[in-house]
Amino acid sequence: MKISSRLRLAIFIPALMALAIIVALVISYQDMAKTQEAGDTIRQVRSSITELNHFVFSYILYHEERPKQQFLAGHNELTQLLASARVQTPDQQHLLDNIRGDSVNYERALPPVGL
């Protein structure tokens, strides 16, 4: 092998390795961004459900109109959040469907506004 061929290899191999590393970093960054977005959505759903629980308990204890109104506003927010949630696996879709069903049942459990 000639010296010029060896020099070319000495240039191209590290350049190719650097390019492969850059591509891997870009792909992993995109995947991490998607995972963080999904995690943010999950945290918002969890926080919203916890908030709804507090409103329900407050309503059950005191039977006042304000907790009911707060619950309905929070429930609408949760419904919008669930509608915009994107899932990647069938298991996630199943869990999301269960949460949506529970959310509908949760709203039905409260008596109508004004009673």
PDB file of N, CA and C in Angstrom:
ATOM      1  N   MET A   1       0.855  -1.170   0.000  1.00  0.00           N
ATOM      2  CA  MET A   1       0.000   0.000   0.000  1.00  0.00           C
ATOM      3  C   MET A   1       0.902   1.234   0.000  1.00  0.00           C
ATOM      4  N   LYS A   2       0.539   2.184  -0.870  1.00  0.00           N
ATOM      5  CA  LYS A   2       1.346   3.393  -0.992  1.00  0.00           C
ATOM      6  C   LYS A   2       1.119   4.309   0.213  1.00  0.00           C
ATOM      7  N   ILE A   3       2.076   5.179   0.403  1.00  0.00           N
ATOM      8  CA  ILE A   3       1.981   6.137   1.513  1.00  0.00           C
ATOM      9  C   ILE A   3       0.796   7.077   1.301  1.00  0.00           C
ATOM     10  N   SER A   4       0.543   7.489   0.082  1.00  0.00           N
ATOM     11  CA  SER A   4      -0.580   8.398  -0.191  1.00  0.00           C
ATOM     12  C   SER A   4      -1.921   7.719   0.113  1.00  0.00           C
ATOM     13  N   SER A   5      -2.022   6.429  -0.148  1.00  0.00           N
ATOM     14  CA  SER A   5      -3.251   5.679   0.169  1.00  0.00           C
ATOM     15  C   SER A   5      -3.432   5.586   1.677  1.00  0.00           C
ATOM     16  N   ARG A   6      -2.342   5.365   2.383  1.00  0.00           N
ATOM     17  CA  ARG A   6      -2.414   5.304   3.840  1.00  0.00           C
ATOM     18  C   ARG A   6      -2.835   6.659   4.412  1.00  0.00           C
ATOM     19  N   LEU A   7      -2.329   7.722   3.887  1.00  0.00           N
ATOM     20  CA  LEU A   7      -2.687   9.067   4.350  1.00  0.00           C
ATOM     21  C   LEU A   7      -4.168   9.357   4.084  1.00  0.00           C
ATOM     22  N   ARG A   8      -4.639   8.935   2.913  1.00  0.00           N
ATOM     23  CA  ARG A   8      -6.071   9.127   2.607  1.00  0.00           C
ATOM     24  C   ARG A   8      -6.938   8.347   3.596  1.00  0.00           C
ATOM     25  N   LEU A   9      -6.540   7.105   3.873  1.00  0.00           N
ATOM     26  CA  LEU A   9      -7.273   6.307   4.854  1.00  0.00           C
ATOM     27  C   LEU A   9      -7.218   6.956   6.231  1.00  0.00           C
ATOM     28  N   ALA A  10      -6.079   7.513   6.574  1.00  0.00           N
ATOM     29  CA  ALA A  10      -5.934   8.166   7.875  1.00  0.00           C
ATOM     30  C   ALA A  10      -6.835   9.394   7.976  1.00  0.00           C
ATOM     31  N   ILE A  11      -7.195   9.973   6.872  1.00  0.00           N
ATOM     32  CA  ILE A  11      -8.105  11.132   6.856  1.00  0.00           C
ATOM     33  C   ILE A  11      -9.559  10.671   6.822  1.00  0.00           C
ATOM     34  N   PHE A  12      -9.882   9.720   5.949  1.00  0.00           N
ATOM     35  CA  PHE A  12     -11.280   9.332   5.740  1.00  0.00           C
ATOM     36  C   PHE A  12     -11.875   8.516   6.885  1.00  0.00           C
ATOM     37  N   ILE A  13     -11.110   7.659   7.491  1.00  0.00           N
ATOM     38  CA  ILE A  13     -11.644   6.819   8.566  1.00  0.00           C
ATOM     39  C   ILE A  13     -12.088   7.663   9.757  1.00  0.00           C
ATOM     40  N   PRO A  14     -11.258   8.581  10.275  1.00  0.00           N
ATOM     41  CA  PRO A  14     -11.746   9.419  11.383  1.00  0.00           C
ATOM     42  C   PRO A  14     -12.919  10.316  10.973  1.00  0.00           C
ATOM     43  N   ALA A  15     -12.891  10.812   9.734  1.00  0.00           N
ATOM     44  CA  ALA A  15     -13.998  11.656   9.262  1.00  0.00           C
ATOM     45  C   ALA A  15     -15.286  10.842   9.205  1.00  0.00           C
ATOM     46  N   LEU A  16     -15.206   9.600   8.728  1.00  0.00           N
ATOM     47  CA  LEU A  16     -16.377   8.738   8.678  1.00  0.00           C
ATOM     48  C   LEU A  16     -16.879   8.411  10.074  1.00  0.00           C
ATOM     49  N   MET A  17     -15.972   8.164  10.999  1.00  0.00           N
ATOM     50  CA  MET A  17     -16.369   7.875  12.375  1.00  0.00           C
ATOM     51  C   MET A  17     -17.039   9.104  13.001  1.00  0.00           C
ATOM     52  N   ALA A  18     -16.490  10.282  12.754  1.00  0.00           N
ATOM     53  CA  ALA A  18     -17.090  11.514  13.285  1.00  0.00           C
ATOM     54  C   ALA A  18     -18.482  11.715  12.705  1.00  0.00           C
ATOM     55  N   LEU A  19     -18.653  11.455  11.434  1.00  0.00           N
ATOM     56  CA  LEU A  19     -19.961  11.582  10.804  1.00  0.00           C
ATOM     57  C   LEU A  19     -20.959  10.599  11.405  1.00  0.00           C
ATOM     58  N   ALA A  20     -20.540   9.372  11.644  1.00  0.00           N
ATOM     59  CA  ALA A  20     -21.426   8.368  12.251  1.00  0.00           C
ATOM     60  C   ALA A  20     -21.814   8.790  13.667  1.00  0.00           C
ATOM     61  N   ILE A  21     -20.878   9.338  14.414  1.00  0.00           N
ATOM     62  CA  ILE A  21     -21.174   9.793  15.773  1.00  0.00           C
ATOM     63  C   ILE A  21     -22.157  10.957  15.747  1.00  0.00           C
ATOM     64  N   ILE A  22     -21.979  11.881  14.829  1.00  0.00           N
ATOM     65  CA  ILE A  22     -22.894  13.027  14.706  1.00  0.00           C
ATOM     66  C   ILE A  22     -24.301  12.556  14.366  1.00  0.00           C
ATOM     67  N   VAL A  23     -24.426  11.624  13.438  1.00  0.00           N
ATOM     68  CA  VAL A  23     -25.739  11.092  13.069  1.00  0.00           C
ATOM     69  C   VAL A  23     -26.390  10.401  14.270  1.00  0.00           C
ATOM     70  N   ALA A  24     -25.617   9.617  15.006  1.00  0.00           N
ATOM     71  CA  ALA A  24     -26.150   8.938  16.188  1.00  0.00           C
ATOM     72  C   ALA A  24     -26.599   9.944  17.241  1.00  0.00           C
ATOM     73  N   LEU A  25     -25.843  11.015  17.426  1.00  0.00           N
ATOM     74  CA  LEU A  25     -26.218  12.047  18.391  1.00  0.00           C
ATOM     75  C   LEU A  25     -27.513  12.760  17.990  1.00  0.00           C
ATOM     76  N   VAL A  26     -27.652  13.067  16.718  1.00  0.00           N
ATOM     77  CA  VAL A  26     -28.868  13.737  16.247  1.00  0.00           C
ATOM     78  C   VAL A  26     -30.081  12.840  16.445  1.00  0.00           C
ATOM     79  N   ILE A  27     -29.951  11.575  16.097  1.00  0.00           N
ATOM     80  CA  ILE A  27     -31.064  10.631  16.259  1.00  0.00           C
ATOM     81  C   ILE A  27     -31.420  10.473  17.731  1.00  0.00           C
ATOM     82  N   SER A  28     -30.424  10.339  18.590  1.00  0.00           N
ATOM     83  CA  SER A  28     -30.709  10.171  20.016  1.00  0.00           C
ATOM     84  C   SER A  28     -31.303  11.441  20.612  1.00  0.00           C
ATOM     85  N   TYR A  29     -30.883  12.611  20.140  1.00  0.00           N
ATOM     86  CA  TYR A  29     -31.448  13.870  20.614  1.00  0.00           C
ATOM     87  C   TYR A  29     -32.928  13.962  20.249  1.00  0.00           C
ATOM     88  N   GLN A  30     -33.279  13.593  19.021  1.00  0.00           N
ATOM     89  CA  GLN A  30     -34.678  13.620  18.598  1.00  0.00           C
ATOM     90  C   GLN A  30     -35.508  12.651  19.418  1.00  0.00           C
ATOM     91  N   ASP A  31     -34.981  11.477  19.661  1.00  0.00           N
ATOM     92  CA  ASP A  31     -35.691  10.485  20.467  1.00  0.00           C
ATOM     93  C   ASP A  31     -35.870  10.976  21.901  1.00  0.00           C
ATOM     94  N   MET A  32     -34.844  11.602  22.452  1.00  0.00           N
ATOM     95  CA  MET A  32     -34.924  12.140  23.805  1.00  0.00           C
ATOM     96  C   MET A  32     -35.964  13.259  23.886  1.00  0.00           C
ATOM     97  N   ALA A  33     -36.047  14.093  22.868  1.00  0.00           N
ATOM     98  CA  ALA A  33     -37.029  15.176  22.849  1.00  0.00           C
ATOM     99  C   ALA A  33     -38.447  14.614  22.835  1.00  0.00           C
ATOM    100  N   LYS A  34     -38.678  13.555  22.058  1.00  0.00           N
ATOM    101  CA  LYS A  34     -39.992  12.914  22.028  1.00  0.00           C
ATOM    102  C   LYS A  34     -40.339  12.317  23.387  1.00  0.00           C
ATOM    103  N   THR A  35     -39.361  11.681  24.015  1.00  0.00           N
ATOM    104  CA  THR A  35     -39.574  11.070  25.327  1.00  0.00           C
ATOM    105  C   THR A  35     -39.869  12.129  26.375  1.00  0.00           C
ATOM    106  N   GLN A  36     -39.167  13.242  26.334  1.00  0.00           N
ATOM    107  CA  GLN A  36     -39.416  14.327  27.280  1.00  0.00           C
ATOM    108  C   GLN A  36     -40.811  14.916  27.077  1.00  0.00           C
ATOM    109  N   GLU A  37     -41.221  15.061  25.834  1.00  0.00           N
ATOM    110  CA  GLU A  37     -42.558  15.586  25.542  1.00  0.00           C
ATOM    111  C   GLU A  37     -43.636  14.651  26.089  1.00  0.00           C
ATOM    112  N   ALA A  38     -43.444  13.354  25.881  1.00  0.00           N
ATOM    113  CA  ALA A  38     -44.397  12.378  26.408  1.00  0.00           C
ATOM    114  C   ALA A  38     -44.407  12.412  27.933  1.00  0.00           C
ATOM    115  N   GLY A  39     -43.240  12.554  28.544  1.00  0.00           N
ATOM    116  CA  GLY A  39     -43.156  12.647  29.999  1.00  0.00           C
ATOM    117  C   GLY A  39     -43.856  13.881  30.530  1.00  0.00           C
ATOM    118  N   ASP A  40     -43.718  14.996  29.816  1.00  0.00           N
ATOM    119  CA  ASP A  40     -44.410  16.220  30.224  1.00  0.00           C
ATOM    120  C   ASP A  40     -45.922  16.034  30.169  1.00  0.00           C
ATOM    121  N   THR A  41     -46.395  15.390  29.128  1.00  0.00           N
ATOM    122  CA  THR A  41     -47.835  15.140  29.000  1.00  0.00           C
ATOM    123  C   THR A  41     -48.316  14.243  30.132  1.00  0.00           C
ATOM    124  N   ILE A  42     -47.551  13.216  30.446  1.00  0.00           N
ATOM    125  CA  ILE A  42     -47.931  12.305  31.528  1.00  0.00           C
ATOM    126  C   ILE A  42     -47.985  13.047  32.859  1.00  0.00           C
ATOM    127  N   ARG A  43     -46.989  13.904  33.100  1.00  0.00           N
ATOM    128  CA  ARG A  43     -46.986  14.676  34.352  1.00  0.00           C
ATOM    129  C   ARG A  43     -48.185  15.612  34.421  1.00  0.00           C
ATOM    130  N   GLN A  44     -48.545  16.225  33.309  1.00  0.00           N
ATOM    131  CA  GLN A  44     -49.713  17.112  33.287  1.00  0.00           C
ATOM    132  C   GLN A  44     -50.996  16.331  33.568  1.00  0.00           C
ATOM    133  N   VAL A  45     -51.133  15.162  32.964  1.00  0.00           N
ATOM    134  CA  VAL A  45     -52.321  14.330  33.199  1.00  0.00           C
ATOM    135  C   VAL A  45     -52.392  13.919  34.659  1.00  0.00           C
ATOM    136  N   ARG A  46     -51.274  13.462  35.205  1.00  0.00           N
ATOM    137  CA  ARG A  46     -51.233  13.041  36.604  1.00  0.00           C
ATOM    138  C   ARG A  46     -51.577  14.205  37.540  1.00  0.00           C
ATOM    139  N   SER A  47     -51.025  15.359  37.271  1.00  0.00           N
ATOM    140  CA  SER A  47     -51.300  16.538  38.095  1.00  0.00           C
ATOM    141  C   SER A  47     -52.766  16.944  37.995  1.00  0.00           C
ATOM    142  N   SER A  48     -53.305  16.883  36.799  1.00  0.00           N
ATOM    143  CA  SER A  48     -54.706  17.247  36.591  1.00  0.00           C
ATOM    144  C   SER A  48     -55.638  16.281  37.320  1.00  0.00           C
ATOM    145  N   ILE A  49     -55.327  15.001  37.276  1.00  0.00           N
ATOM    146  CA  ILE A  49     -56.157  14.004  37.956  1.00  0.00           C
ATOM    147  C   ILE A  49     -56.092  14.206  39.469  1.00  0.00           C
ATOM    148  N   THR A  50     -54.908  14.490  39.986  1.00  0.00           N
ATOM    149  CA  THR A  50     -54.762  14.751  41.418  1.00  0.00           C
ATOM    150  C   THR A  50     -55.582  15.971  41.825  1.00  0.00           C
ATOM    151  N   GLU A  51     -55.529  16.997  41.010  1.00  0.00           N
ATOM    152  CA  GLU A  51     -56.305  18.203  41.281  1.00  0.00           C
ATOM    153  C   GLU A  51     -57.806  17.895  41.280  1.00  0.00           C
ATOM    154  N   LEU A  52     -58.252  17.096  40.338  1.00  0.00           N
ATOM    155  CA  LEU A  52     -59.665  16.725  40.287  1.00  0.00           C
ATOM    156  C   LEU A  52     -60.066  15.941  41.537  1.00  0.00           C
ATOM    157  N   ASN A  53     -59.188  15.076  42.013  1.00  0.00           N
ATOM    158  CA  ASN A  53     -59.469  14.337  43.243  1.00  0.00           C
ATOM    159  C   ASN A  53     -59.687  15.288  44.413  1.00  0.00           C
ATOM    160  N   HIS A  54     -58.856  16.309  44.510  1.00  0.00           N
ATOM    161  CA  HIS A  54     -59.007  17.272  45.593  1.00  0.00           C
ATOM    162  C   HIS A  54     -60.349  18.002  45.497  1.00  0.00           C
ATOM    163  N   PHE A  55     -60.731  18.366  44.290  1.00  0.00           N
ATOM    164  CA  PHE A  55     -62.017  19.060  44.118  1.00  0.00           C
ATOM    165  C   PHE A  55     -63.186  18.159  44.504  1.00  0.00           C
ATOM    166  N   VAL A  56     -63.100  16.879  44.129  1.00  0.00           N
ATOM    167  CA  VAL A  56     -64.174  15.941  44.460  1.00  0.00           C
ATOM    168  C   VAL A  56     -64.271  15.768  45.971  1.00  0.00           C
ATOM    169  N   PHE A  57     -63.139  15.560  46.625  1.00  0.00           N
ATOM    170  CA  PHE A  57     -63.165  15.399  48.079  1.00  0.00           C
ATOM    171  C   PHE A  57     -63.697  16.652  48.767  1.00  0.00           C
ATOM    172  N   SER A  58     -63.310  17.806  48.261  1.00  0.00           N
ATOM    173  CA  SER A  58     -63.804  19.064  48.833  1.00  0.00           C
ATOM    174  C   SER A  58     -65.313  19.176  48.643  1.00  0.00           C
ATOM    175  N   TYR A  59     -65.790  18.773  47.483  1.00  0.00           N
ATOM    176  CA  TYR A  59     -67.234  18.839  47.230  1.00  0.00           C
ATOM    177  C   TYR A  59     -67.979  17.849  48.126  1.00  0.00           C
ATOM    178  N   ILE A  60     -67.429  16.647  48.267  1.00  0.00           N
ATOM    179  CA  ILE A  60     -68.088  15.630  49.097  1.00  0.00           C
ATOM    180  C   ILE A  60     -68.163  16.092  50.551  1.00  0.00           C
ATOM    181  N   LEU A  61     -67.118  16.734  51.029  1.00  0.00           N
ATOM    182  CA  LEU A  61     -67.100  17.186  52.422  1.00  0.00           C
ATOM    183  C   LEU A  61     -68.029  18.371  52.672  1.00  0.00           C
ATOM    184  N   TYR A  62     -68.042  19.330  51.751  1.00  0.00           N
ATOM    185  CA  TYR A  62     -68.732  20.591  52.026  1.00  0.00           C
ATOM    186  C   TYR A  62     -69.965  20.851  51.151  1.00  0.00           C
ATOM    187  N   HIS A  63     -70.135  20.121  50.087  1.00  0.00           N
ATOM    188  CA  HIS A  63     -71.270  20.290  49.164  1.00  0.00           C
ATOM    189  C   HIS A  63     -71.458  21.743  48.732  1.00  0.00           C
ATOM    190  N   GLU A  64     -70.366  22.392  48.419  1.00  0.00           N
ATOM    191  CA  GLU A  64     -70.440  23.762  47.938  1.00  0.00           C
ATOM    192  C   GLU A  64     -70.328  23.775  46.427  1.00  0.00           C
ATOM    193  N   GLU A  65     -70.765  24.879  45.846  1.00  0.00           N
ATOM    194  CA  GLU A  65     -70.787  25.005  44.393  1.00  0.00           C
ATOM    195  C   GLU A  65     -69.390  25.238  43.810  1.00  0.00           C
ATOM    196  N   ARG A  66     -68.538  25.946  44.547  1.00  0.00           N
ATOM    197  CA  ARG A  66     -67.226  26.289  44.018  1.00  0.00           C
ATOM    198  C   ARG A  66     -66.380  25.064  43.659  1.00  0.00           C
ATOM    199  N   PRO A  67     -66.245  24.059  44.541  1.00  0.00           N
ATOM    200  CA  PRO A  67     -65.448  22.879  44.152  1.00  0.00           C
ATOM    201  C   PRO A  67     -66.015  22.175  42.920  1.00  0.00           C
ATOM    202  N   LYS A  68     -67.339  22.200  42.798  1.00  0.00           N
ATOM    203  CA  LYS A  68     -67.954  21.569  41.633  1.00  0.00           C
ATOM    204  C   LYS A  68     -67.579  22.325  40.360  1.00  0.00           C
ATOM    205  N   GLN A  69     -67.631  23.649  40.428  1.00  0.00           N
ATOM    206  CA  GLN A  69     -67.258  24.469  39.269  1.00  0.00           C
ATOM    207  C   GLN A  69     -65.772  24.275  38.932  1.00  0.00           C
ATOM    208  N   GLN A  70     -64.940  24.224  39.975  1.00  0.00           N
ATOM    209  CA  GLN A  70     -63.520  23.995  39.746  1.00  0.00           C
ATOM    210  C   GLN A  70     -63.277  22.608  39.140  1.00  0.00           C
ATOM    211  N   PHE A  71     -64.031  21.641  39.611  1.00  0.00           N
ATOM    212  CA  PHE A  71     -63.908  20.301  39.051  1.00  0.00           C
ATOM    213  C   PHE A  71     -64.269  20.303  37.571  1.00  0.00           C
ATOM    214  N   LEU A  72     -65.370  20.922  37.232  1.00  0.00           N
ATOM    215  CA  LEU A  72     -65.809  20.933  35.830  1.00  0.00           C
ATOM    216  C   LEU A  72     -64.797  21.649  34.943  1.00  0.00           C
ATOM    217  N   ALA A  73     -64.227  22.742  35.437  1.00  0.00           N
ATOM    218  CA  ALA A  73     -63.207  23.449  34.654  1.00  0.00           C
ATOM    219  C   ALA A  73     -61.959  22.580  34.502  1.00  0.00           C
ATOM    220  N   GLY A  74     -61.535  21.946  35.588  1.00  0.00           N
ATOM    221  CA  GLY A  74     -60.375  21.053  35.528  1.00  0.00           C
ATOM    222  C   GLY A  74     -60.630  19.845  34.653  1.00  0.00           C
ATOM    223  N   HIS A  75     -61.858  19.355  34.692  1.00  0.00           N
ATOM    224  CA  HIS A  75     -62.213  18.193  33.861  1.00  0.00           C
ATOM    225  C   HIS A  75     -62.149  18.560  32.382  1.00  0.00           C
ATOM    226  N   ASN A  76     -62.630  19.746  32.031  1.00  0.00           N
ATOM    227  CA  ASN A  76     -62.537  20.185  30.632  1.00  0.00           C
ATOM    228  C   ASN A  76     -61.074  20.294  30.199  1.00  0.00           C
ATOM    229  N   GLU A  77     -60.244  20.790  31.087  1.00  0.00           N
ATOM    230  CA  GLU A  77     -58.815  20.899  30.799  1.00  0.00           C
ATOM    231  C   GLU A  77     -58.204  19.514  30.588  1.00  0.00           C
ATOM    232  N   LEU A  78     -58.560  18.582  31.462  1.00  0.00           N
ATOM    233  CA  LEU A  78     -58.056  17.213  31.343  1.00  0.00           C
ATOM    234  C   LEU A  78     -58.543  16.567  30.052  1.00  0.00           C
ATOM    235  N   THR A  79     -59.784  16.783  29.701  1.00  0.00           N
ATOM    236  CA  THR A  79     -60.331  16.214  28.468  1.00  0.00           C
ATOM    237  C   THR A  79     -59.562  16.712  27.252  1.00  0.00           C
ATOM    238  N   GLN A  80     -59.245  18.005  27.231  1.00  0.00           N
ATOM    239  CA  GLN A  80     -58.470  18.557  26.118  1.00  0.00           C
ATOM    240  C   GLN A  80     -57.057  17.969  26.090  1.00  0.00           C
ATOM    241  N   LEU A  81     -56.480  17.823  27.264  1.00  0.00           N
ATOM    242  CA  LEU A  81     -55.140  17.249  27.354  1.00  0.00           C
ATOM    243  C   LEU A  81     -55.132  15.803  26.854  1.00  0.00           C
ATOM    244  N   LEU A  82     -56.141  15.034  27.247  1.00  0.00           N
ATOM    245  CA  LEU A  82     -56.223  13.642  26.800  1.00  0.00           C
ATOM    246  C   LEU A  82     -56.471  13.546  25.299  1.00  0.00           C
ATOM    247  N   ALA A  83     -57.240  14.482  24.768  1.00  0.00           N
ATOM    248  CA  ALA A  83     -57.515  14.477  23.328  1.00  0.00           C
ATOM    249  C   ALA A  83     -56.253  14.770  22.525  1.00  0.00           C
ATOM    250  N   SER A  84     -55.358  15.576  23.087  1.00  0.00           N
ATOM    251  CA  SER A  84     -54.144  15.938  22.353  1.00  0.00           C
ATOM    252  C   SER A  84     -52.984  14.980  22.614  1.00  0.00           C
ATOM    253  N   ALA A  85     -53.155  14.036  23.521  1.00  0.00           N
ATOM    254  CA  ALA A  85     -52.069  13.105  23.874  1.00  0.00           C
ATOM    255  C   ALA A  85     -51.786  12.162  22.710  1.00  0.00           C
ATOM    256  N   ARG A  86     -50.519  11.942  22.456  1.00  0.00           N
ATOM    257  CA  ARG A  86     -50.079  11.027  21.408  1.00  0.00           C
ATOM    258  C   ARG A  86     -49.383   9.840  22.065  1.00  0.00           C
ATOM    259  N   VAL A  87     -49.719   8.652  21.616  1.00  0.00           N
ATOM    260  CA  VAL A  87     -49.126   7.434  22.182  1.00  0.00           C
ATOM    261  C   VAL A  87     -48.359   6.691  21.100  1.00  0.00           C
ATOM    262  N   GLN A  88     -47.469   5.802  21.555  1.00  0.00           N
ATOM    263  CA  GLN A  88     -46.612   5.096  20.610  1.00  0.00           C
ATOM    264  C   GLN A  88     -46.843   3.592  20.591  1.00  0.00           C
ATOM    265  N   THR A  89     -47.385   3.048  21.668  1.00  0.00           N
ATOM    266  CA  THR A  89     -47.560   1.599  21.733  1.00  0.00           C
ATOM    267  C   THR A  89     -49.013   1.255  22.034  1.00  0.00           C
ATOM    268  N   PRO A  90     -49.443   0.035  21.731  1.00  0.00           N
ATOM    269  CA  PRO A  90     -50.808  -0.381  22.061  1.00  0.00           C
ATOM    270  C   PRO A  90     -51.086  -0.349  23.566  1.00  0.00           C
ATOM    271  N   ASP A  91     -50.073  -0.645  24.382  1.00  0.00           N
ATOM    272  CA  ASP A  91     -50.265  -0.581  25.840  1.00  0.00           C
ATOM    273  C   ASP A  91     -50.560   0.842  26.292  1.00  0.00           C
ATOM    274  N   GLN A  92     -49.830   1.788  25.737  1.00  0.00           N
ATOM    275  CA  GLN A  92     -50.083   3.190  26.061  1.00  0.00           C
ATOM    276  C   GLN A  92     -51.474   3.610  25.607  1.00  0.00           C
ATOM    277  N   GLN A  93     -51.884   3.132  24.424  1.00  0.00           N
ATOM    278  CA  GLN A  93     -53.222   3.462  23.920  1.00  0.00           C
ATOM    279  C   GLN A  93     -54.290   2.887  24.841  1.00  0.00           C
ATOM    280  N   HIS A  94     -54.070   1.677  25.322  1.00  0.00           N
ATOM    281  CA  HIS A  94     -55.020   1.041  26.243  1.00  0.00           C
ATOM    282  C   HIS A  94     -55.131   1.855  27.532  1.00  0.00           C
ATOM    283  N   LEU A  95     -54.007   2.270  28.095  1.00  0.00           N
ATOM    284  CA  LEU A  95     -54.018   3.090  29.308  1.00  0.00           C
ATOM    285  C   LEU A  95     -54.716   4.422  29.069  1.00  0.00           C
ATOM    286  N   LEU A  96     -54.447   5.039  27.935  1.00  0.00           N
ATOM    287  CA  LEU A  96     -55.083   6.314  27.606  1.00  0.00           C
ATOM    288  C   LEU A  96     -56.594   6.142  27.462  1.00  0.00           C
ATOM    289  N   ASP A  97     -57.021   5.075  26.833  1.00  0.00           N
ATOM    290  CA  ASP A  97     -58.458   4.802  26.708  1.00  0.00           C
ATOM    291  C   ASP A  97     -59.101   4.587  28.079  1.00  0.00           C
ATOM    292  N   ASN A  98     -58.398   3.881  28.972  1.00  0.00           N
ATOM    293  CA  ASN A  98     -58.915   3.682  30.332  1.00  0.00           C
ATOM    294  C   ASN A  98     -59.054   5.003  31.077  1.00  0.00           C
ATOM    295  N   ILE A  99     -58.061   5.867  30.950  1.00  0.00           N
ATOM    296  CA  ILE A  99     -58.116   7.174  31.618  1.00  0.00           C
ATOM    297  C   ILE A  99     -59.267   7.992  31.049  1.00  0.00           C
ATOM    298  N   ARG A 100     -59.444   7.951  29.738  1.00  0.00           N
ATOM    299  CA  ARG A 100     -60.562   8.692  29.125  1.00  0.00           C
ATOM    300  C   ARG A 100     -61.902   8.172  29.642  1.00  0.00           C
ATOM    301  N   GLY A 101     -62.046   6.852  29.712  1.00  0.00           N
ATOM    302  CA  GLY A 101     -63.289   6.264  30.225  1.00  0.00           C
ATOM    303  C   GLY A 101     -63.529   6.628  31.679  1.00  0.00           C
ATOM    304  N   ASP A 102     -62.467   6.562  32.492  1.00  0.00           N
ATOM    305  CA  ASP A 102     -62.596   6.947  33.900  1.00  0.00           C
ATOM    306  C   ASP A 102     -62.955   8.419  34.036  1.00  0.00           C
ATOM    307  N   SER A 103     -62.411   9.230  33.164  1.00  0.00           N
ATOM    308  CA  SER A 103     -62.692  10.660  33.198  1.00  0.00           C
ATOM    309  C   SER A 103     -64.168  10.934  32.922  1.00  0.00           C
ATOM    310  N   VAL A 104     -64.728  10.224  31.971  1.00  0.00           N
ATOM    311  CA  VAL A 104     -66.151  10.385  31.661  1.00  0.00           C
ATOM    312  C   VAL A 104     -67.006   9.932  32.849  1.00  0.00           C
ATOM    313  N   ASN A 105     -66.635   8.792  33.435  1.00  0.00           N
ATOM    314  CA  ASN A 105     -67.381   8.290  34.602  1.00  0.00           C
ATOM    315  C   ASN A 105     -67.250   9.221  35.792  1.00  0.00           C
ATOM    316  N   TYR A 106     -66.107   9.816  35.948  1.00  0.00           N
ATOM    317  CA  TYR A 106     -65.841  10.740  37.044  1.00  0.00           C
ATOM    318  C   TYR A 106     -66.784  11.944  36.974  1.00  0.00           C
ATOM    319  N   GLU A 107     -66.949  12.471  35.765  1.00  0.00           N
ATOM    320  CA  GLU A 107     -67.814  13.642  35.589  1.00  0.00           C
ATOM    321  C   GLU A 107     -69.276  13.270  35.872  1.00  0.00           C
ATOM    322  N   ARG A 108     -69.661  12.086  35.472  1.00  0.00           N
ATOM    323  CA  ARG A 108     -71.057  11.661  35.690  1.00  0.00           C
ATOM    324  C   ARG A 108     -71.372  11.464  37.168  1.00  0.00           C
ATOM    325  N   ALA A 109     -70.352  11.233  37.978  1.00  0.00           N
ATOM    326  CA  ALA A 109     -70.563  10.966  39.402  1.00  0.00           C
ATOM    327  C   ALA A 109     -71.037  12.211  40.166  1.00  0.00           C
ATOM    328  N   LEU A 110     -70.678  13.387  39.650  1.00  0.00           N
ATOM    329  CA  LEU A 110     -71.111  14.619  40.310  1.00  0.00           C
ATOM    330  C   LEU A 110     -72.556  14.929  39.932  1.00  0.00           C
ATOM    331  N   PRO A 111     -73.340  15.450  40.879  1.00  0.00           N
ATOM    332  CA  PRO A 111     -74.692  15.879  40.522  1.00  0.00           C
ATOM    333  C   PRO A 111     -74.634  17.084  39.597  1.00  0.00           C
ATOM    334  N   PRO A 112     -75.694  17.322  38.838  1.00  0.00           N
ATOM    335  CA  PRO A 112     -75.699  18.452  37.905  1.00  0.00           C
ATOM    336  C   PRO A 112     -75.500  19.767  38.646  1.00  0.00           C
ATOM    337  N   VAL A 113     -74.942  20.740  37.933  1.00  0.00           N
ATOM    338  CA  VAL A 113     -74.707  22.071  38.500  1.00  0.00           C
ATOM    339  C   VAL A 113     -76.039  22.711  38.848  1.00  0.00           C
ATOM    340  N   GLY A 114     -76.095  23.341  40.000  1.00  0.00           N
ATOM    341  CA  GLY A 114     -77.298  24.054  40.410  1.00  0.00           C
ATOM    342  C   GLY A 114     -78.190  23.261  41.348  1.00  0.00           C
ATOM    343  N   LEU A 115     -77.849  22.000  41.622  1.00  0.00           N
ATOM    344  CA  LEU A 115     -78.664  21.194  42.539  1.00  0.00           C
ATOM    345  C   LEU A 115     -78.138  21.267  43.940  1.00  0.00           C
TER     346      LEU A 115
END
